[in-house]
């Protein structure tokens, strides 16, 4: 089975969007709503084009799907725990960047001033008063 948005499933099955939404609400099509409110449905690509387009999953397939999704969620949590410290570091470095760029410009200006001074007086003239 493929997970796809309600609009994608409607286009694939050539079923009106509202009909597919009604079937989802009635429990005839397996799916879920995400945190953003978007509806995702599970469509069996083998049934596309046949007379019977949607079906309720059997108990065994639901258990297997739950196990697969649980494993996927565990991997996502592990990845998230790895990425959180990196994201905090990126935020800190991005906040420091403008300050460091300002310091770089100041240092370049000082370097240029010293260079101009040394060119006028000569190298040893920098140490004379």
Protein backbone atom coordinates (compact mmCIF):
# COMPACT_ATOMS: atom_id res chain seq x y z
CA UNK A 1 0.00 0.00 0.00
CA UNK A 2 1.11 3.52 -0.76
CA UNK A 3 0.63 6.52 1.54
CA UNK A 4 -0.46 9.58 -0.40
CA UNK A 5 -2.39 12.77 0.05
CA UNK A 6 -6.13 12.74 -0.47
CA UNK A 7 -5.77 14.76 -3.69
CA UNK A 8 -3.11 12.39 -5.08
CA UNK A 9 -5.25 9.37 -4.23
CA UNK A 10 -8.28 10.94 -5.89
CA UNK A 11 -6.29 11.60 -9.05
CA UNK A 12 -4.80 8.09 -9.08
CA UNK A 13 -8.08 6.28 -8.51
CA UNK A 14 -10.06 8.70 -10.69
CA UNK A 15 -12.46 9.19 -7.79
CA UNK A 16 -13.87 12.62 -6.93
CA UNK A 17 -12.03 14.20 -4.03
CA UNK A 18 -15.16 14.64 -1.93
CA UNK A 19 -16.15 11.00 -2.50
CA UNK A 20 -12.76 9.81 -1.31
CA UNK A 21 -12.94 12.15 1.69
CA UNK A 22 -16.38 10.75 2.58
CA UNK A 23 -15.06 7.20 2.31
CA UNK A 24 -12.17 8.11 4.58
CA UNK A 25 -14.52 9.64 7.15
CA UNK A 26 -16.75 6.54 6.99
CA UNK A 27 -13.72 4.28 7.59
CA UNK A 28 -13.89 2.65 4.17
CA UNK A 29 -10.46 4.03 3.27
CA UNK A 30 -7.60 3.74 5.72
CA UNK A 31 -5.84 7.02 6.45
CA UNK A 32 -4.98 9.66 9.01
CA UNK A 33 -4.80 13.40 9.47
CA UNK A 34 -1.37 14.88 10.19
CA UNK A 35 -0.56 17.71 12.63
CA UNK A 36 -1.06 20.28 9.88
CA UNK A 37 -4.58 18.95 9.20
CA UNK A 38 -3.72 17.29 5.89
CA UNK A 39 -5.39 13.94 5.21
CA UNK A 40 -3.17 11.03 4.13
CA UNK A 41 -4.68 7.78 2.87
CA UNK A 42 -3.30 4.32 2.12
CA UNK A 43 -4.09 3.08 -1.38
CA UNK A 44 -3.26 -0.37 -2.73
CA UNK A 45 -1.83 0.23 -6.22
CA UNK A 46 -2.98 -3.26 -7.30
CA UNK A 47 -6.60 -2.24 -6.74
CA UNK A 48 -6.35 0.95 -8.80
CA UNK A 49 -8.48 0.56 -11.89
CA UNK A 50 -10.35 -2.46 -10.54
CA UNK A 51 -13.98 -2.28 -9.52
CA UNK A 52 -13.10 -2.59 -5.83
CA UNK A 53 -10.86 0.40 -5.25
CA UNK A 54 -10.68 0.65 -1.47
CA UNK A 55 -10.77 -1.87 1.30
CA UNK A 56 -10.45 -2.07 5.03
CA UNK A 57 -7.15 -3.56 6.06
CA UNK A 58 -7.14 -6.96 7.70
CA UNK A 59 -6.04 -7.28 11.32
CA UNK A 60 -2.72 -8.85 10.34
CA UNK A 61 -1.82 -6.10 7.90
CA UNK A 62 -2.69 -3.47 10.52
CA UNK A 63 -0.35 -5.09 13.04
CA UNK A 64 2.45 -5.25 10.48
CA UNK A 65 1.85 -1.64 9.50
CA UNK A 66 1.92 -0.58 13.15
CA UNK A 67 5.20 -2.40 13.69
CA UNK A 68 6.72 -0.84 10.57
CA UNK A 69 5.57 2.64 11.55
CA UNK A 70 6.84 2.15 15.12
CA UNK A 71 10.27 1.18 13.78
CA UNK A 72 10.19 4.18 11.45
CA UNK A 73 9.25 6.46 14.35
CA UNK A 74 12.07 5.06 16.50
CA UNK A 75 14.57 5.80 13.70
CA UNK A 76 13.15 9.31 13.35
CA UNK A 77 13.51 9.92 17.12
CA UNK A 78 17.13 8.72 17.01
CA UNK A 79 17.88 11.00 14.08
CA UNK A 80 16.15 13.91 15.80
CA UNK A 81 18.28 13.44 18.93
CA UNK A 82 21.38 13.55 16.72
CA UNK A 83 20.23 16.66 14.84
CA UNK A 84 19.05 18.77 17.80
CA UNK A 85 22.57 19.57 19.13
CA UNK A 86 23.72 20.36 15.59
CA UNK A 87 20.78 22.71 15.09
CA UNK A 88 21.63 24.51 18.34
CA UNK A 89 25.25 24.87 17.19
CA UNK A 90 24.15 26.23 13.81
CA UNK A 91 21.89 28.79 15.50
CA UNK A 92 24.71 29.90 17.81
CA UNK A 93 27.18 30.20 14.94
CA UNK A 94 24.71 32.13 12.79
CA UNK A 95 24.18 34.56 15.68
CA UNK A 96 27.97 35.06 16.04
CA UNK A 97 28.56 35.56 12.31
CA UNK A 98 27.61 39.27 12.06
CA UNK A 99 29.82 40.13 15.06
CA UNK A 100 32.77 38.24 13.59
CA UNK A 101 32.28 39.86 10.19
CA UNK A 102 32.32 43.27 11.88
CA UNK A 103 35.55 42.39 13.69
CA UNK A 104 37.05 41.21 10.41
CA UNK A 105 36.25 44.53 8.76
CA UNK A 106 37.82 46.39 11.71
CA UNK A 107 40.98 44.27 11.46
CA UNK A 108 41.20 44.87 7.72
CA UNK A 109 40.87 48.60 8.27
CA UNK A 110 43.65 48.50 10.91
CA UNK A 111 45.86 46.45 8.59
CA UNK A 112 45.33 48.89 5.76
CA UNK A 113 46.09 51.84 8.04
CA UNK A 114 49.32 50.25 9.24
CA UNK A 115 50.26 49.39 5.65
CA UNK A 116 49.76 52.99 4.52
CA UNK A 117 51.76 54.25 7.49
CA UNK A 118 54.65 51.90 6.80
CA UNK A 119 54.70 52.88 3.13
CA UNK A 120 55.02 56.57 4.07
CA UNK A 121 57.68 56.22 6.77
CA UNK A 122 59.42 53.01 5.79
CA UNK A 123 59.58 49.96 8.01
CA UNK A 124 61.90 51.42 10.70
CA UNK A 125 59.97 54.61 10.75
CA UNK A 126 57.15 52.78 12.47
CA UNK A 127 59.31 52.48 15.61
CA UNK A 128 60.49 56.11 15.72
CA UNK A 129 58.56 58.77 17.50
